[in-house]
PDB file of N, CA and C in Angstrom:
ATOM      1  N   MET A   1     -88.808  28.095  94.710  1.00  0.00           N
ATOM      2  CA  MET A   1     -87.700  28.823  94.231  1.00  0.00           C
ATOM      3  C   MET A   1     -87.786  28.842  92.743  1.00  0.00           C
ATOM      4  N   ALA A   2     -88.169  27.749  92.105  1.00  0.00           N
ATOM      5  CA  ALA A   2     -88.244  27.769  90.648  1.00  0.00           C
ATOM      6  C   ALA A   2     -89.225  28.712  90.140  1.00  0.00           C
ATOM      7  N   GLN A   3     -90.242  29.040  91.065  1.00  0.00           N
ATOM      8  CA  GLN A   3     -91.268  29.977  90.622  1.00  0.00           C
ATOM      9  C   GLN A   3     -90.939  31.419  90.994  1.00  0.00           C
ATOM     10  N   GLY A   4     -89.663  31.678  91.454  1.00  0.00           N
ATOM     11  CA  GLY A   4     -89.297  32.938  91.636  1.00  0.00           C
ATOM     12  C   GLY A   4     -89.522  33.492  93.062  1.00  0.00           C
ATOM     13  N   VAL A   5     -89.924  32.529  93.936  1.00  0.00           N
ATOM     14  CA  VAL A   5     -90.271  32.888  95.365  1.00  0.00           C
ATOM     15  C   VAL A   5     -88.838  33.026  96.049  1.00  0.00           C
ATOM     16  N   HIS A   6     -88.701  34.080  96.806  1.00  0.00           N
ATOM     17  CA  HIS A   6     -87.372  34.524  97.621  1.00  0.00           C
ATOM     18  C   HIS A   6     -87.189  33.285  98.517  1.00  0.00           C
ATOM     19  N   ILE A   7     -85.893  33.004  98.720  1.00  0.00           N
ATOM     20  CA  ILE A   7     -85.535  31.927  99.551  1.00  0.00           C
ATOM     21  C   ILE A   7     -85.878  32.123 101.037  1.00  0.00           C
ATOM     22  N   ARG A   8     -85.968  33.515 101.501  1.00  0.00           N
ATOM     23  CA  ARG A   8     -86.299  33.738 102.867  1.00  0.00           C
ATOM     24  C   ARG A   8     -87.873  33.405 103.056  1.00  0.00           C
ATOM     25  N   ALA A   9     -88.592  33.599 102.015  1.00  0.00           N
ATOM     26  CA  ALA A   9     -90.009  33.365 102.146  1.00  0.00           C
ATOM     27  C   ALA A   9     -90.237  31.807 102.216  1.00  0.00           C
ATOM     28  N   VAL A  10     -89.455  31.060 101.353  1.00  0.00           N
ATOM     29  CA  VAL A  10     -89.468  29.561 101.502  1.00  0.00           C
ATOM     30  C   VAL A  10     -89.065  29.142 102.798  1.00  0.00           C
ATOM     31  N   GLN A  11     -87.973  29.683 103.463  1.00  0.00           N
ATOM     32  CA  GLN A  11     -87.565  29.320 104.731  1.00  0.00           C
ATOM     33  C   GLN A  11     -88.733  29.585 105.834  1.00  0.00           C
ATOM     34  N   GLU A  12     -89.432  30.656 105.632  1.00  0.00           N
ATOM     35  CA  GLU A  12     -90.442  30.957 106.626  1.00  0.00           C
ATOM     36  C   GLU A  12     -91.677  29.876 106.393  1.00  0.00           C
ATOM     37  N   ILE A  13     -91.895  29.622 105.355  1.00  0.00           N
ATOM     38  CA  ILE A  13     -93.053  28.684 105.051  1.00  0.00           C
ATOM     39  C   ILE A  13     -92.752  27.430 105.535  1.00  0.00           C
ATOM     40  N   LEU A  14     -91.461  26.945 105.350  1.00  0.00           N
ATOM     41  CA  LEU A  14     -91.179  25.550 105.683  1.00  0.00           C
ATOM     42  C   LEU A  14     -90.788  25.480 107.180  1.00  0.00           C
ATOM     43  N   GLY A  15     -90.587  26.760 107.862  1.00  0.00           N
ATOM     44  CA  GLY A  15     -90.288  26.697 109.243  1.00  0.00           C
ATOM     45  C   GLY A  15     -88.823  26.286 109.640  1.00  0.00           C
ATOM     46  N   HIS A  16     -87.911  26.671 108.667  1.00  0.00           N
ATOM     47  CA  HIS A  16     -86.521  26.370 108.928  1.00  0.00           C
ATOM     48  C   HIS A  16     -86.010  27.451 109.685  1.00  0.00           C
ATOM     49  N   SER A  17     -85.311  27.113 110.715  1.00  0.00           N
ATOM     50  CA  SER A  17     -84.637  28.064 111.599  1.00  0.00           C
ATOM     51  C   SER A  17     -83.396  28.682 110.973  1.00  0.00           C
ATOM     52  N   ASP A  18     -82.852  28.099 109.979  1.00  0.00           N
ATOM     53  CA  ASP A  18     -81.518  28.643 109.326  1.00  0.00           C
ATOM     54  C   ASP A  18     -81.804  28.590 107.868  1.00  0.00           C
ATOM     55  N   VAL A  19     -81.518  29.610 107.128  1.00  0.00           N
ATOM     56  CA  VAL A  19     -81.683  29.490 105.646  1.00  0.00           C
ATOM     57  C   VAL A  19     -80.832  28.576 105.093  1.00  0.00           C
ATOM     58  N   ARG A  20     -79.793  28.069 105.611  1.00  0.00           N
ATOM     59  CA  ARG A  20     -78.810  27.087 105.223  1.00  0.00           C
ATOM     60  C   ARG A  20     -79.561  25.737 104.956  1.00  0.00           C
ATOM     61  N   ILE A  21     -80.535  25.463 105.987  1.00  0.00           N
ATOM     62  CA  ILE A  21     -81.323  24.262 105.840  1.00  0.00           C
ATOM     63  C   ILE A  21     -82.154  24.385 104.567  1.00  0.00           C
ATOM     64  N   THR A  22     -82.750  25.480 104.321  1.00  0.00           N
ATOM     65  CA  THR A  22     -83.542  25.680 103.050  1.00  0.00           C
ATOM     66  C   THR A  22     -82.732  25.427 101.768  1.00  0.00           C
ATOM     67  N   GLU A  23     -81.580  26.034 101.818  1.00  0.00           N
ATOM     68  CA  GLU A  23     -80.604  26.063 100.698  1.00  0.00           C
ATOM     69  C   GLU A  23     -80.296  24.534 100.410  1.00  0.00           C
ATOM     70  N   GLY A  24     -80.323  23.809 101.360  1.00  0.00           N
ATOM     71  CA  GLY A  24     -80.029  22.290 101.124  1.00  0.00           C
ATOM     72  C   GLY A  24     -80.970  21.586 100.397  1.00  0.00           C
ATOM     73  N   TYR A  25     -82.300  22.190 100.367  1.00  0.00           N
ATOM     74  CA  TYR A  25     -83.423  21.429  99.520  1.00  0.00           C
ATOM     75  C   TYR A  25     -83.682  22.108  98.263  1.00  0.00           C
ATOM     76  N   THR A  26     -82.956  23.211  97.963  1.00  0.00           N
ATOM     77  CA  THR A  26     -83.186  23.920  96.703  1.00  0.00           C
ATOM     78  C   THR A  26     -82.772  23.192  95.493  1.00  0.00           C
ATOM     79  N   HIS A  27     -81.903  22.165  95.525  1.00  0.00           N
ATOM     80  CA  HIS A  27     -81.556  21.427  94.468  1.00  0.00           C
ATOM     81  C   HIS A  27     -82.371  20.416  94.071  1.00  0.00           C
ATOM     82  N   VAL A  28     -83.412  20.090  94.892  1.00  0.00           N
ATOM     83  CA  VAL A  28     -84.313  19.100  94.691  1.00  0.00           C
ATOM     84  C   VAL A  28     -85.324  19.528  93.591  1.00  0.00           C
ATOM     85  N   ALA A  29     -85.277  19.155  92.406  1.00  0.00           N
ATOM     86  CA  ALA A  29     -86.088  19.541  91.328  1.00  0.00           C
ATOM     87  C   ALA A  29     -86.368  18.166  90.463  1.00  0.00           C
ATOM     88  N   SER A  30     -86.343  17.164  91.044  1.00  0.00           N
ATOM     89  CA  SER A  30     -86.466  15.820  90.271  1.00  0.00           C
ATOM     90  C   SER A  30     -87.894  15.650  89.866  1.00  0.00           C
ATOM     91  N   GLU A  31     -88.127  14.728  89.027  1.00  0.00           N
ATOM     92  CA  GLU A  31     -89.502  14.447  88.624  1.00  0.00           C
ATOM     93  C   GLU A  31     -90.282  13.928  89.864  1.00  0.00           C
ATOM     94  N   ILE A  32     -89.669  13.219  90.867  1.00  0.00           N
ATOM     95  CA  ILE A  32     -90.323  12.819  92.015  1.00  0.00           C
ATOM     96  C   ILE A  32     -90.894  14.122  92.733  1.00  0.00           C
ATOM     97  N   ALA A  33     -90.096  14.975  92.990  1.00  0.00           N
ATOM     98  CA  ALA A  33     -90.413  16.217  93.760  1.00  0.00           C
ATOM     99  C   ALA A  33     -91.548  16.939  92.929  1.00  0.00           C
ATOM    100  N   ARG A  34     -91.526  17.109  91.714  1.00  0.00           N
ATOM    101  CA  ARG A  34     -92.528  17.767  90.990  1.00  0.00           C
ATOM    102  C   ARG A  34     -93.960  16.979  91.009  1.00  0.00           C
ATOM    103  N   ASP A  35     -93.885  15.589  90.928  1.00  0.00           N
ATOM    104  CA  ASP A  35     -95.077  14.790  91.134  1.00  0.00           C
ATOM    105  C   ASP A  35     -95.688  14.987  92.555  1.00  0.00           C
ATOM    106  N   ALA A  36     -94.722  14.947  93.555  1.00  0.00           N
ATOM    107  CA  ALA A  36     -95.223  15.258  94.921  1.00  0.00           C
ATOM    108  C   ALA A  36     -95.945  16.600  94.987  1.00  0.00           C
ATOM    109  N   ALA A  37     -95.391  17.535  94.412  1.00  0.00           N
ATOM    110  CA  ALA A  37     -95.962  18.909  94.502  1.00  0.00           C
ATOM    111  C   ALA A  37     -97.379  18.911  93.856  1.00  0.00           C
ATOM    112  N   ALA A  38     -97.340  18.286  92.614  1.00  0.00           N
ATOM    113  CA  ALA A  38     -98.563  18.189  91.923  1.00  0.00           C
ATOM    114  C   ALA A  38     -99.777  17.491  92.670  1.00  0.00           C
ATOM    115  N   ARG A  39     -99.443  16.459  93.409  1.00  0.00           N
ATOM    116  CA  ARG A  39    -100.381  15.672  94.236  1.00  0.00           C
ATOM    117  C   ARG A  39    -100.890  16.435  95.325  1.00  0.00           C
ATOM    118  N   MET A  40     -99.805  17.261  95.918  1.00  0.00           N
ATOM    119  CA  MET A  40    -100.243  18.062  97.086  1.00  0.00           C
ATOM    120  C   MET A  40    -101.159  19.170  96.708  1.00  0.00           C
ATOM    121  N   GLY A  41    -100.958  19.788  95.549  1.00  0.00           N
ATOM    122  CA  GLY A  41    -101.801  20.770  94.865  1.00  0.00           C
ATOM    123  C   GLY A  41    -103.196  20.174  94.742  1.00  0.00           C
ATOM    124  N   ARG A  42    -103.231  19.054  94.213  1.00  0.00           N
ATOM    125  CA  ARG A  42    -104.645  18.472  93.959  1.00  0.00           C
ATOM    126  C   ARG A  42    -105.347  18.101  95.251  1.00  0.00           C
ATOM    127  N   ALA A  43    -104.542  17.694  96.170  1.00  0.00           N
ATOM    128  CA  ALA A  43    -105.235  17.301  97.571  1.00  0.00           C
ATOM    129  C   ALA A  43    -105.649  18.580  98.186  1.00  0.00           C
ATOM    130  N   LEU A  44    -104.904  19.582  98.246  1.00  0.00           N
ATOM    131  CA  LEU A  44    -105.226  20.759  98.856  1.00  0.00           C
ATOM    132  C   LEU A  44    -106.125  21.716  98.250  1.00  0.00           C
ATOM    133  N   TRP A  45    -106.092  21.905  96.931  1.00  0.00           N
ATOM    134  CA  TRP A  45    -106.848  22.944  96.181  1.00  0.00           C
ATOM    135  C   TRP A  45    -107.585  22.452  95.035  1.00  0.00           C
ATOM    136  N   GLY A  46    -107.519  21.091  94.813  1.00  0.00           N
ATOM    137  CA  GLY A  46    -108.284  20.511  93.621  1.00  0.00           C
ATOM    138  C   GLY A  46    -107.614  20.953  92.414  1.00  0.00           C
ATOM    139  N   ALA A  47    -106.320  21.363  92.384  1.00  0.00           N
ATOM    140  CA  ALA A  47    -105.545  21.915  91.256  1.00  0.00           C
ATOM    141  C   ALA A  47    -105.502  20.822  90.205  1.00  0.00           C
ATOM    142  N   ASP A  48    -105.586  21.101  89.023  1.00  0.00           N
ATOM    143  CA  ASP A  48    -105.393  20.139  87.946  1.00  0.00           C
ATOM    144  C   ASP A  48    -104.176  20.483  87.281  1.00  0.00           C
ATOM    145  N   ASP A  49    -103.091  19.617  87.175  1.00  0.00           N
ATOM    146  CA  ASP A  49    -101.863  19.903  86.708  1.00  0.00           C
ATOM    147  C   ASP A  49    -101.651  19.488  85.234  1.00  0.00           C
ATOM    148  N   GLY A  50    -102.654  19.324  84.587  1.00  0.00           N
ATOM    149  CA  GLY A  50    -102.400  18.933  83.194  1.00  0.00           C
ATOM    150  C   GLY A  50    -103.501  19.339  82.241  1.00  0.00           C
TER     151      GLY A  50
END
């Protein structure tokens, strides 16, 4: 969402049956969530976040 991805696309990717479930997660933008995303990127694609 922070990257401009439409909420319906995020819903589909995450497999949520109802967009309200996805909306419940959109507020998570803490340092812990950013760190987790960076770690997943490195694990999946070898992405360097820094």
